[in-house]
């Protein structure tokens, strides 16, 4: 389930220590999604002030937006069509933490 949130809400969500900032990358795509995930793996995508989905062209753009909110880390999650094709669960997506 994907639930949306305003960009400024990310800092509040992670300050409650139940969510962490997440940048989702889809292999072979130049679009990155920014949002937060909770402990159950539910992703809430960020939206800008006008309510549009935040879709970025690079991880660096996502880092800049997070820094503007006072956040200095994120989990990067890389998803591929191959995972879906062979039936891998979302738990098997490649993830790593980046500090900036």
PDB file of N, CA and C in Angstrom:
ATOM      1  N   UNK A   1       0.840  -1.163   0.000  1.00  0.00           N
ATOM      2  CA  UNK A   1       0.000   0.000   0.000  1.00  0.00           C
ATOM      3  C   UNK A   1       0.895   1.239   0.000  1.00  0.00           C
ATOM      4  N   UNK A   2       0.614   2.193  -0.878  1.00  0.00           N
ATOM      5  CA  UNK A   2       1.379   3.429  -0.932  1.00  0.00           C
ATOM      6  C   UNK A   2       0.485   4.564  -0.464  1.00  0.00           C
ATOM      7  N   UNK A   3       0.929   5.241   0.563  1.00  0.00           N
ATOM      8  CA  UNK A   3       0.218   6.381   1.119  1.00  0.00           C
ATOM      9  C   UNK A   3       1.112   7.592   0.928  1.00  0.00           C
ATOM     10  N   UNK A   4       0.547   8.721   0.591  1.00  0.00           N
ATOM     11  CA  UNK A   4       1.366   9.890   0.319  1.00  0.00           C
ATOM     12  C   UNK A   4       1.485  10.788   1.537  1.00  0.00           C
ATOM     13  N   UNK A   5       2.504  11.641   1.513  1.00  0.00           N
ATOM     14  CA  UNK A   5       2.736  12.610   2.568  1.00  0.00           C
ATOM     15  C   UNK A   5       3.419  13.827   1.968  1.00  0.00           C
ATOM     16  N   UNK A   6       3.271  14.954   2.603  1.00  0.00           N
ATOM     17  CA  UNK A   6       3.959  16.155   2.163  1.00  0.00           C
ATOM     18  C   UNK A   6       5.445  16.017   2.487  1.00  0.00           C
ATOM     19  N   UNK A   7       6.271  16.647   1.667  1.00  0.00           N
ATOM     20  CA  UNK A   7       7.714  16.551   1.826  1.00  0.00           C
ATOM     21  C   UNK A   7       8.163  16.957   3.226  1.00  0.00           C
ATOM     22  N   UNK A   8       7.608  18.019   3.775  1.00  0.00           N
ATOM     23  CA  UNK A   8       8.020  18.490   5.095  1.00  0.00           C
ATOM     24  C   UNK A   8       7.666  17.510   6.213  1.00  0.00           C
ATOM     25  N   UNK A   9       6.754  16.578   5.956  1.00  0.00           N
ATOM     26  CA  UNK A   9       6.345  15.610   6.970  1.00  0.00           C
ATOM     27  C   UNK A   9       7.378  14.500   7.181  1.00  0.00           C
ATOM     28  N   UNK A  10       8.335  14.377   6.275  1.00  0.00           N
ATOM     29  CA  UNK A  10       9.333  13.314   6.395  1.00  0.00           C
ATOM     30  C   UNK A  10      10.106  13.448   7.700  1.00  0.00           C
ATOM     31  N   UNK A  11      10.570  14.650   8.020  1.00  0.00           N
ATOM     32  CA  UNK A  11      11.351  14.843   9.254  1.00  0.00           C
ATOM     33  C   UNK A  11      10.528  14.462  10.477  1.00  0.00           C
ATOM     34  N   UNK A  12       9.281  14.849  10.508  1.00  0.00           N
ATOM     35  CA  UNK A  12       8.402  14.499  11.624  1.00  0.00           C
ATOM     36  C   UNK A  12       8.245  12.984  11.726  1.00  0.00           C
ATOM     37  N   UNK A  13       8.042  12.341  10.589  1.00  0.00           N
ATOM     38  CA  UNK A  13       7.837  10.887  10.582  1.00  0.00           C
ATOM     39  C   UNK A  13       9.052  10.140  11.119  1.00  0.00           C
ATOM     40  N   UNK A  14      10.260  10.563  10.741  1.00  0.00           N
ATOM     41  CA  UNK A  14      11.437   9.833  11.215  1.00  0.00           C
ATOM     42  C   UNK A  14      11.810  10.233  12.635  1.00  0.00           C
ATOM     43  N   UNK A  15      11.380  11.412  13.084  1.00  0.00           N
ATOM     44  CA  UNK A  15      11.677  11.809  14.462  1.00  0.00           C
ATOM     45  C   UNK A  15      10.925  10.923  15.451  1.00  0.00           C
ATOM     46  N   UNK A  16       9.842  10.318  15.002  1.00  0.00           N
ATOM     47  CA  UNK A  16       9.084   9.403  15.849  1.00  0.00           C
ATOM     48  C   UNK A  16       9.755   8.028  15.908  1.00  0.00           C
ATOM     49  N   UNK A  17      10.833   7.852  15.157  1.00  0.00           N
ATOM     50  CA  UNK A  17      11.649   6.640  15.106  1.00  0.00           C
ATOM     51  C   UNK A  17      10.859   5.393  14.731  1.00  0.00           C
ATOM     52  N   UNK A  18       9.793   5.583  13.998  1.00  0.00           N
ATOM     53  CA  UNK A  18       9.042   4.429  13.504  1.00  0.00           C
ATOM     54  C   UNK A  18       9.163   4.326  11.988  1.00  0.00           C
ATOM     55  N   UNK A  19       9.779   5.352  11.387  1.00  0.00           N
ATOM     56  CA  UNK A  19       9.919   5.376   9.932  1.00  0.00           C
ATOM     57  C   UNK A  19      11.326   5.831   9.583  1.00  0.00           C
ATOM     58  N   UNK A  20      11.767   5.508   8.359  1.00  0.00           N
ATOM     59  CA  UNK A  20      13.080   5.968   7.926  1.00  0.00           C
ATOM     60  C   UNK A  20      12.989   6.467   6.494  1.00  0.00           C
ATOM     61  N   UNK A  21      13.770   7.531   6.178  1.00  0.00           N
ATOM     62  CA  UNK A  21      13.723   8.090   4.830  1.00  0.00           C
ATOM     63  C   UNK A  21      14.206   7.059   3.819  1.00  0.00           C
ATOM     64  N   UNK A  22      13.513   6.976   2.697  1.00  0.00           N
ATOM     65  CA  UNK A  22      13.809   5.962   1.690  1.00  0.00           C
ATOM     66  C   UNK A  22      13.786   6.581   0.302  1.00  0.00           C
ATOM     67  N   UNK A  23      14.775   6.185  -0.499  1.00  0.00           N
ATOM     68  CA  UNK A  23      14.830   6.562  -1.906  1.00  0.00           C
ATOM     69  C   UNK A  23      14.728   5.265  -2.691  1.00  0.00           C
ATOM     70  N   UNK A  24      13.702   5.132  -3.513  1.00  0.00           N
ATOM     71  CA  UNK A  24      13.505   3.915  -4.291  1.00  0.00           C
ATOM     72  C   UNK A  24      13.979   4.145  -5.713  1.00  0.00           C
ATOM     73  N   UNK A  25      14.830   3.247  -6.156  1.00  0.00           N
ATOM     74  CA  UNK A  25      15.365   3.286  -7.511  1.00  0.00           C
ATOM     75  C   UNK A  25      14.877   2.060  -8.261  1.00  0.00           C
ATOM     76  N   UNK A  26      14.369   2.267  -9.447  1.00  0.00           N
ATOM     77  CA  UNK A  26      13.964   1.161 -10.299  1.00  0.00           C
ATOM     78  C   UNK A  26      15.026   0.993 -11.377  1.00  0.00           C
ATOM     79  N   UNK A  27      15.588  -0.187 -11.476  1.00  0.00           N
ATOM     80  CA  UNK A  27      16.639  -0.448 -12.455  1.00  0.00           C
ATOM     81  C   UNK A  27      16.177  -0.048 -13.846  1.00  0.00           C
ATOM     82  N   UNK A  28      17.093   0.458 -14.634  1.00  0.00           N
ATOM     83  CA  UNK A  28      16.830   0.887 -16.014  1.00  0.00           C
ATOM     84  C   UNK A  28      15.847   2.047 -16.094  1.00  0.00           C
ATOM     85  N   UNK A  29      15.725   2.815 -15.025  1.00  0.00           N
ATOM     86  CA  UNK A  29      14.861   3.984 -15.028  1.00  0.00           C
ATOM     87  C   UNK A  29      15.643   5.165 -14.479  1.00  0.00           C
ATOM     88  N   UNK A  30      15.344   6.341 -14.954  1.00  0.00           N
ATOM     89  CA  UNK A  30      16.007   7.524 -14.413  1.00  0.00           C
ATOM     90  C   UNK A  30      15.091   8.285 -13.461  1.00  0.00           C
ATOM     91  N   UNK A  31      14.135   7.602 -12.869  1.00  0.00           N
ATOM     92  CA  UNK A  31      13.238   8.207 -11.897  1.00  0.00           C
ATOM     93  C   UNK A  31      13.449   7.566 -10.537  1.00  0.00           C
ATOM     94  N   UNK A  32      13.488   8.393  -9.515  1.00  0.00           N
ATOM     95  CA  UNK A  32      13.685   7.946  -8.144  1.00  0.00           C
ATOM     96  C   UNK A  32      12.526   8.474  -7.317  1.00  0.00           C
ATOM     97  N   UNK A  33      11.994   7.632  -6.434  1.00  0.00           N
ATOM     98  CA  UNK A  33      10.905   8.040  -5.556  1.00  0.00           C
ATOM     99  C   UNK A  33      11.462   8.303  -4.168  1.00  0.00           C
ATOM    100  N   UNK A  34      10.955   9.331  -3.528  1.00  0.00           N
ATOM    101  CA  UNK A  34      11.381   9.716  -2.197  1.00  0.00           C
ATOM    102  C   UNK A  34      10.200   9.575  -1.254  1.00  0.00           C
ATOM    103  N   UNK A  35      10.464   9.062  -0.068  1.00  0.00           N
ATOM    104  CA  UNK A  35       9.410   8.927   0.924  1.00  0.00           C
ATOM    105  C   UNK A  35       9.961   8.318   2.192  1.00  0.00           C
ATOM    106  N   UNK A  36       9.097   7.674   2.955  1.00  0.00           N
ATOM    107  CA  UNK A  36       9.512   6.979   4.178  1.00  0.00           C
ATOM    108  C   UNK A  36       8.907   5.581   4.179  1.00  0.00           C
ATOM    109  N   UNK A  37       9.590   4.680   4.877  1.00  0.00           N
ATOM    110  CA  UNK A  37       9.066   3.333   5.108  1.00  0.00           C
ATOM    111  C   UNK A  37       8.948   3.117   6.600  1.00  0.00           C
ATOM    112  N   UNK A  38       7.942   2.348   6.984  1.00  0.00           N
ATOM    113  CA  UNK A  38       7.809   2.005   8.389  1.00  0.00           C
ATOM    114  C   UNK A  38       8.411   0.627   8.641  1.00  0.00           C
ATOM    115  N   UNK A  39       8.327   0.170   9.867  1.00  0.00           N
ATOM    116  CA  UNK A  39       8.944  -1.101  10.248  1.00  0.00           C
ATOM    117  C   UNK A  39       8.318  -2.303   9.538  1.00  0.00           C
ATOM    118  N   UNK A  40       7.096  -2.161   9.038  1.00  0.00           N
ATOM    119  CA  UNK A  40       6.434  -3.237   8.310  1.00  0.00           C
ATOM    120  C   UNK A  40       6.726  -3.182   6.812  1.00  0.00           C
ATOM    121  N   UNK A  41       7.495  -2.189   6.373  1.00  0.00           N
ATOM    122  CA  UNK A  41       7.852  -2.072   4.968  1.00  0.00           C
ATOM    123  C   UNK A  41       6.872  -1.280   4.132  1.00  0.00           C
ATOM    124  N   UNK A  42       5.899  -0.627   4.755  1.00  0.00           N
ATOM    125  CA  UNK A  42       4.942   0.202   4.022  1.00  0.00           C
ATOM    126  C   UNK A  42       5.609   1.504   3.607  1.00  0.00           C
ATOM    127  N   UNK A  43       5.518   1.847   2.341  1.00  0.00           N
ATOM    128  CA  UNK A  43       6.142   3.044   1.789  1.00  0.00           C
ATOM    129  C   UNK A  43       5.118   4.165   1.668  1.00  0.00           C
ATOM    130  N   UNK A  44       5.478   5.347   2.154  1.00  0.00           N
ATOM    131  CA  UNK A  44       4.652   6.553   1.989  1.00  0.00           C
ATOM    132  C   UNK A  44       5.443   7.491   1.099  1.00  0.00           C
ATOM    133  N   UNK A  45       4.959   7.729  -0.101  1.00  0.00           N
ATOM    134  CA  UNK A  45       5.674   8.579  -1.040  1.00  0.00           C
ATOM    135  C   UNK A  45       5.482  10.053  -0.698  1.00  0.00           C
ATOM    136  N   UNK A  46       6.539  10.821  -0.957  1.00  0.00           N
ATOM    137  CA  UNK A  46       6.503  12.255  -0.677  1.00  0.00           C
ATOM    138  C   UNK A  46       5.797  12.995  -1.812  1.00  0.00           C
ATOM    139  N   UNK A  47       5.146  14.069  -1.456  1.00  0.00           N
ATOM    140  CA  UNK A  47       4.495  14.954  -2.417  1.00  0.00           C
ATOM    141  C   UNK A  47       4.967  16.372  -2.135  1.00  0.00           C
ATOM    142  N   UNK A  48       5.012  17.181  -3.168  1.00  0.00           N
ATOM    143  CA  UNK A  48       5.414  18.571  -2.968  1.00  0.00           C
ATOM    144  C   UNK A  48       4.225  19.381  -2.448  1.00  0.00           C
ATOM    145  N   UNK A  49       4.435  20.693  -2.289  1.00  0.00           N
ATOM    146  CA  UNK A  49       3.394  21.549  -1.704  1.00  0.00           C
ATOM    147  C   UNK A  49       2.114  21.587  -2.519  1.00  0.00           C
ATOM    148  N   UNK A  50       2.211  21.334  -3.825  1.00  0.00           N
ATOM    149  CA  UNK A  50       1.011  21.346  -4.668  1.00  0.00           C
ATOM    150  C   UNK A  50       0.373  19.964  -4.767  1.00  0.00           C
ATOM    151  N   UNK A  51       0.929  18.986  -4.047  1.00  0.00           N
ATOM    152  CA  UNK A  51       0.345  17.652  -4.018  1.00  0.00           C
ATOM    153  C   UNK A  51       0.844  16.698  -5.079  1.00  0.00           C
ATOM    154  N   UNK A  52       1.833  17.126  -5.882  1.00  0.00           N
ATOM    155  CA  UNK A  52       2.361  16.256  -6.934  1.00  0.00           C
ATOM    156  C   UNK A  52       3.396  15.294  -6.368  1.00  0.00           C
ATOM    157  N   UNK A  53       3.417  14.086  -6.895  1.00  0.00           N
ATOM    158  CA  UNK A  53       4.379  13.068  -6.496  1.00  0.00           C
ATOM    159  C   UNK A  53       5.795  13.572  -6.729  1.00  0.00           C
ATOM    160  N   UNK A  54       6.690  13.377  -5.763  1.00  0.00           N
ATOM    161  CA  UNK A  54       8.084  13.769  -5.910  1.00  0.00           C
ATOM    162  C   UNK A  54       8.803  12.659  -6.654  1.00  0.00           C
ATOM    163  N   UNK A  55       9.090  12.899  -7.925  1.00  0.00           N
ATOM    164  CA  UNK A  55       9.838  11.972  -8.766  1.00  0.00           C
ATOM    165  C   UNK A  55      11.106  12.691  -9.188  1.00  0.00           C
ATOM    166  N   UNK A  56      12.251  12.111  -8.870  1.00  0.00           N
ATOM    167  CA  UNK A  56      13.525  12.787  -9.068  1.00  0.00           C
ATOM    168  C   UNK A  56      14.353  12.099 -10.138  1.00  0.00           C
ATOM    169  N   UNK A  57      15.322  12.824 -10.684  1.00  0.00           N
ATOM    170  CA  UNK A  57      16.177  12.291 -11.742  1.00  0.00           C
ATOM    171  C   UNK A  57      17.469  11.685 -11.232  1.00  0.00           C
ATOM    172  N   UNK A  58      17.756  11.831  -9.929  1.00  0.00           N
ATOM    173  CA  UNK A  58      18.988  11.263  -9.383  1.00  0.00           C
ATOM    174  C   UNK A  58      18.869  11.090  -7.871  1.00  0.00           C
ATOM    175  N   UNK A  59      19.726  10.244  -7.340  1.00  0.00           N
ATOM    176  CA  UNK A  59      19.795  10.077  -5.890  1.00  0.00           C
ATOM    177  C   UNK A  59      20.278  11.381  -5.265  1.00  0.00           C
ATOM    178  N   UNK A  60      21.182  12.066  -5.938  1.00  0.00           N
ATOM    179  CA  UNK A  60      21.707  13.337  -5.436  1.00  0.00           C
ATOM    180  C   UNK A  60      20.579  14.349  -5.232  1.00  0.00           C
ATOM    181  N   UNK A  61      19.630  14.434  -6.150  1.00  0.00           N
ATOM    182  CA  UNK A  61      18.488  15.349  -5.983  1.00  0.00           C
ATOM    183  C   UNK A  61      17.700  14.989  -4.726  1.00  0.00           C
ATOM    184  N   UNK A  62      17.514  13.706  -4.482  1.00  0.00           N
ATOM    185  CA  UNK A  62      16.793  13.262  -3.288  1.00  0.00           C
ATOM    186  C   UNK A  62      17.565  13.647  -2.028  1.00  0.00           C
ATOM    187  N   UNK A  63      18.892  13.474  -2.060  1.00  0.00           N
ATOM    188  CA  UNK A  63      19.718  13.853  -0.915  1.00  0.00           C
ATOM    189  C   UNK A  63      19.580  15.341  -0.612  1.00  0.00           C
ATOM    190  N   UNK A  64      19.592  16.176  -1.655  1.00  0.00           N
ATOM    191  CA  UNK A  64      19.465  17.625  -1.465  1.00  0.00           C
ATOM    192  C   UNK A  64      18.127  17.957  -0.813  1.00  0.00           C
ATOM    193  N   UNK A  65      17.046  17.356  -1.284  1.00  0.00           N
ATOM    194  CA  UNK A  65      15.731  17.609  -0.684  1.00  0.00           C
ATOM    195  C   UNK A  65      15.695  17.176   0.778  1.00  0.00           C
ATOM    196  N   UNK A  66      16.283  16.026   1.087  1.00  0.00           N
ATOM    197  CA  UNK A  66      16.308  15.563   2.476  1.00  0.00           C
ATOM    198  C   UNK A  66      17.149  16.493   3.342  1.00  0.00           C
ATOM    199  N   UNK A  67      18.300  16.930   2.825  1.00  0.00           N
ATOM    200  CA  UNK A  67      19.149  17.863   3.584  1.00  0.00           C
ATOM    201  C   UNK A  67      18.401  19.153   3.889  1.00  0.00           C
ATOM    202  N   UNK A  68      17.593  19.621   2.939  1.00  0.00           N
ATOM    203  CA  UNK A  68      16.815  20.836   3.162  1.00  0.00           C
ATOM    204  C   UNK A  68      15.826  20.662   4.312  1.00  0.00           C
ATOM    205  N   UNK A  69      15.453  19.424   4.596  1.00  0.00           N
ATOM    206  CA  UNK A  69      14.543  19.124   5.705  1.00  0.00           C
ATOM    207  C   UNK A  69      15.309  18.803   6.991  1.00  0.00           C
ATOM    208  N   UNK A  70      16.663  18.888   6.944  1.00  0.00           N
ATOM    209  CA  UNK A  70      17.475  18.608   8.118  1.00  0.00           C
ATOM    210  C   UNK A  70      17.752  17.126   8.321  1.00  0.00           C
ATOM    211  N   UNK A  71      17.622  16.338   7.270  1.00  0.00           N
ATOM    212  CA  UNK A  71      17.834  14.891   7.339  1.00  0.00           C
ATOM    213  C   UNK A  71      19.140  14.571   6.619  1.00  0.00           C
ATOM    214  N   UNK A  72      19.980  13.739   7.235  1.00  0.00           N
ATOM    215  CA  UNK A  72      21.315  13.498   6.692  1.00  0.00           C
ATOM    216  C   UNK A  72      21.604  12.034   6.397  1.00  0.00           C
ATOM    217  N   UNK A  73      20.558  11.241   6.186  1.00  0.00           N
ATOM    218  CA  UNK A  73      20.742   9.841   5.795  1.00  0.00           C
ATOM    219  C   UNK A  73      19.483   9.352   5.093  1.00  0.00           C
ATOM    220  N   UNK A  74      19.608   8.257   4.378  1.00  0.00           N
ATOM    221  CA  UNK A  74      18.443   7.613   3.762  1.00  0.00           C
ATOM    222  C   UNK A  74      18.804   6.170   3.450  1.00  0.00           C
ATOM    223  N   UNK A  75      17.783   5.357   3.334  1.00  0.00           N
ATOM    224  CA  UNK A  75      17.945   4.000   2.833  1.00  0.00           C
ATOM    225  C   UNK A  75      17.700   4.060   1.334  1.00  0.00           C
ATOM    226  N   UNK A  76      18.618   3.497   0.567  1.00  0.00           N
ATOM    227  CA  UNK A  76      18.456   3.404  -0.873  1.00  0.00           C
ATOM    228  C   UNK A  76      17.967   1.992  -1.161  1.00  0.00           C
ATOM    229  N   UNK A  77      16.878   1.866  -1.875  1.00  0.00           N
ATOM    230  CA  UNK A  77      16.324   0.562  -2.229  1.00  0.00           C
ATOM    231  C   UNK A  77      16.300   0.443  -3.746  1.00  0.00           C
ATOM    232  N   UNK A  78      16.914  -0.603  -4.249  1.00  0.00           N
ATOM    233  CA  UNK A  78      16.970  -0.810  -5.691  1.00  0.00           C
ATOM    234  C   UNK A  78      16.080  -1.985  -6.049  1.00  0.00           C
ATOM    235  N   UNK A  79      15.106  -1.721  -6.915  1.00  0.00           N
ATOM    236  CA  UNK A  79      14.183  -2.759  -7.357  1.00  0.00           C
ATOM    237  C   UNK A  79      14.412  -3.011  -8.844  1.00  0.00           C
ATOM    238  N   UNK A  80      14.205  -4.249  -9.250  1.00  0.00           N
ATOM    239  CA  UNK A  80      14.361  -4.585 -10.668  1.00  0.00           C
ATOM    240  C   UNK A  80      13.168  -5.403 -11.142  1.00  0.00           C
ATOM    241  N   UNK A  81      12.924  -5.370 -12.436  1.00  0.00           N
ATOM    242  CA  UNK A  81      11.861  -6.197 -13.020  1.00  0.00           C
ATOM    243  C   UNK A  81      12.202  -7.671 -12.841  1.00  0.00           C
ATOM    244  N   UNK A  82      13.482  -7.989 -12.808  1.00  0.00           N
ATOM    245  CA  UNK A  82      13.921  -9.373 -12.629  1.00  0.00           C
ATOM    246  C   UNK A  82      13.390  -9.950 -11.314  1.00  0.00           C
ATOM    247  N   UNK A  83      13.417  -9.147 -10.238  1.00  0.00           N
ATOM    248  CA  UNK A  83      12.894  -9.610  -8.949  1.00  0.00           C
ATOM    249  C   UNK A  83      11.443 -10.065  -9.076  1.00  0.00           C
ATOM    250  N   UNK A  84      10.646  -9.255  -9.746  1.00  0.00           N
ATOM    251  CA  UNK A  84       9.234  -9.592  -9.929  1.00  0.00           C
ATOM    252  C   UNK A  84       9.085 -10.824 -10.824  1.00  0.00           C
ATOM    253  N   UNK A  85       9.901 -10.889 -11.862  1.00  0.00           N
ATOM    254  CA  UNK A  85       9.804 -11.982 -12.827  1.00  0.00           C
ATOM    255  C   UNK A  85      10.066 -13.340 -12.178  1.00  0.00           C
ATOM    256  N   UNK A  86      11.029 -13.393 -11.246  1.00  0.00           N
ATOM    257  CA  UNK A  86      11.356 -14.679 -10.637  1.00  0.00           C
ATOM    258  C   UNK A  86      10.663 -14.892  -9.295  1.00  0.00           C
ATOM    259  N   UNK A  87       9.818 -13.917  -8.912  1.00  0.00           N
ATOM    260  CA  UNK A  87       9.013 -14.090  -7.707  1.00  0.00           C
ATOM    261  C   UNK A  87       9.707 -13.713  -6.413  1.00  0.00           C
ATOM    262  N   UNK A  88      10.778 -12.904  -6.473  1.00  0.00           N
ATOM    263  CA  UNK A  88      11.417 -12.437  -5.240  1.00  0.00           C
ATOM    264  C   UNK A  88      10.461 -11.528  -4.487  1.00  0.00           C
ATOM    265  N   UNK A  89      10.488 -11.634  -3.181  1.00  0.00           N
ATOM    266  CA  UNK A  89       9.647 -10.766  -2.361  1.00  0.00           C
ATOM    267  C   UNK A  89      10.320  -9.404  -2.224  1.00  0.00           C
ATOM    268  N   UNK A  90       9.580  -8.440  -1.712  1.00  0.00           N
ATOM    269  CA  UNK A  90      10.158  -7.109  -1.521  1.00  0.00           C
ATOM    270  C   UNK A  90      11.277  -7.153  -0.489  1.00  0.00           C
ATOM    271  N   UNK A  91      11.297  -8.164   0.364  1.00  0.00           N
ATOM    272  CA  UNK A  91      12.369  -8.298   1.357  1.00  0.00           C
ATOM    273  C   UNK A  91      13.705  -8.598   0.701  1.00  0.00           C
ATOM    274  N   UNK A  92      13.703  -9.071  -0.533  1.00  0.00           N
ATOM    275  CA  UNK A  92      14.955  -9.420  -1.195  1.00  0.00           C
ATOM    276  C   UNK A  92      15.517  -8.272  -2.043  1.00  0.00           C
ATOM    277  N   UNK A  93      14.850  -7.114  -2.069  1.00  0.00           N
ATOM    278  CA  UNK A  93      15.386  -5.969  -2.804  1.00  0.00           C
ATOM    279  C   UNK A  93      16.698  -5.539  -2.161  1.00  0.00           C
ATOM    280  N   UNK A  94      17.605  -5.060  -2.985  1.00  0.00           N
ATOM    281  CA  UNK A  94      18.896  -4.592  -2.491  1.00  0.00           C
ATOM    282  C   UNK A  94      18.702  -3.250  -1.793  1.00  0.00           C
ATOM    283  N   UNK A  95      19.197  -3.149  -0.558  1.00  0.00           N
ATOM    284  CA  UNK A  95      19.081  -1.919   0.228  1.00  0.00           C
ATOM    285  C   UNK A  95      20.419  -1.580   0.868  1.00  0.00           C
ATOM    286  N   UNK A  96      20.674  -0.293   0.986  1.00  0.00           N
ATOM    287  CA  UNK A  96      21.831   0.147   1.754  1.00  0.00           C
ATOM    288  C   UNK A  96      21.561   1.535   2.313  1.00  0.00           C
ATOM    289  N   UNK A  97      22.247   1.866   3.371  1.00  0.00           N
ATOM    290  CA  UNK A  97      22.086   3.169   4.018  1.00  0.00           C
ATOM    291  C   UNK A  97      23.196   4.100   3.518  1.00  0.00           C
ATOM    292  N   UNK A  98      22.827   5.334   3.231  1.00  0.00           N
ATOM    293  CA  UNK A  98      23.793   6.332   2.780  1.00  0.00           C
ATOM    294  C   UNK A  98      23.700   7.551   3.710  1.00  0.00           C
ATOM    295  N   UNK A  99      24.860   8.041   4.112  1.00  0.00           N
ATOM    296  CA  UNK A  99      24.950   9.266   4.935  1.00  0.00           C
ATOM    297  C   UNK A  99      25.363  10.399   4.012  1.00  0.00           C
ATOM    298  N   UNK A 100      24.812  11.577   4.208  1.00  0.00           N
ATOM    299  CA  UNK A 100      25.199  12.722   3.387  1.00  0.00           C
ATOM    300  C   UNK A 100      25.180  13.987   4.215  1.00  0.00           C
TER     301      UNK A 100
END
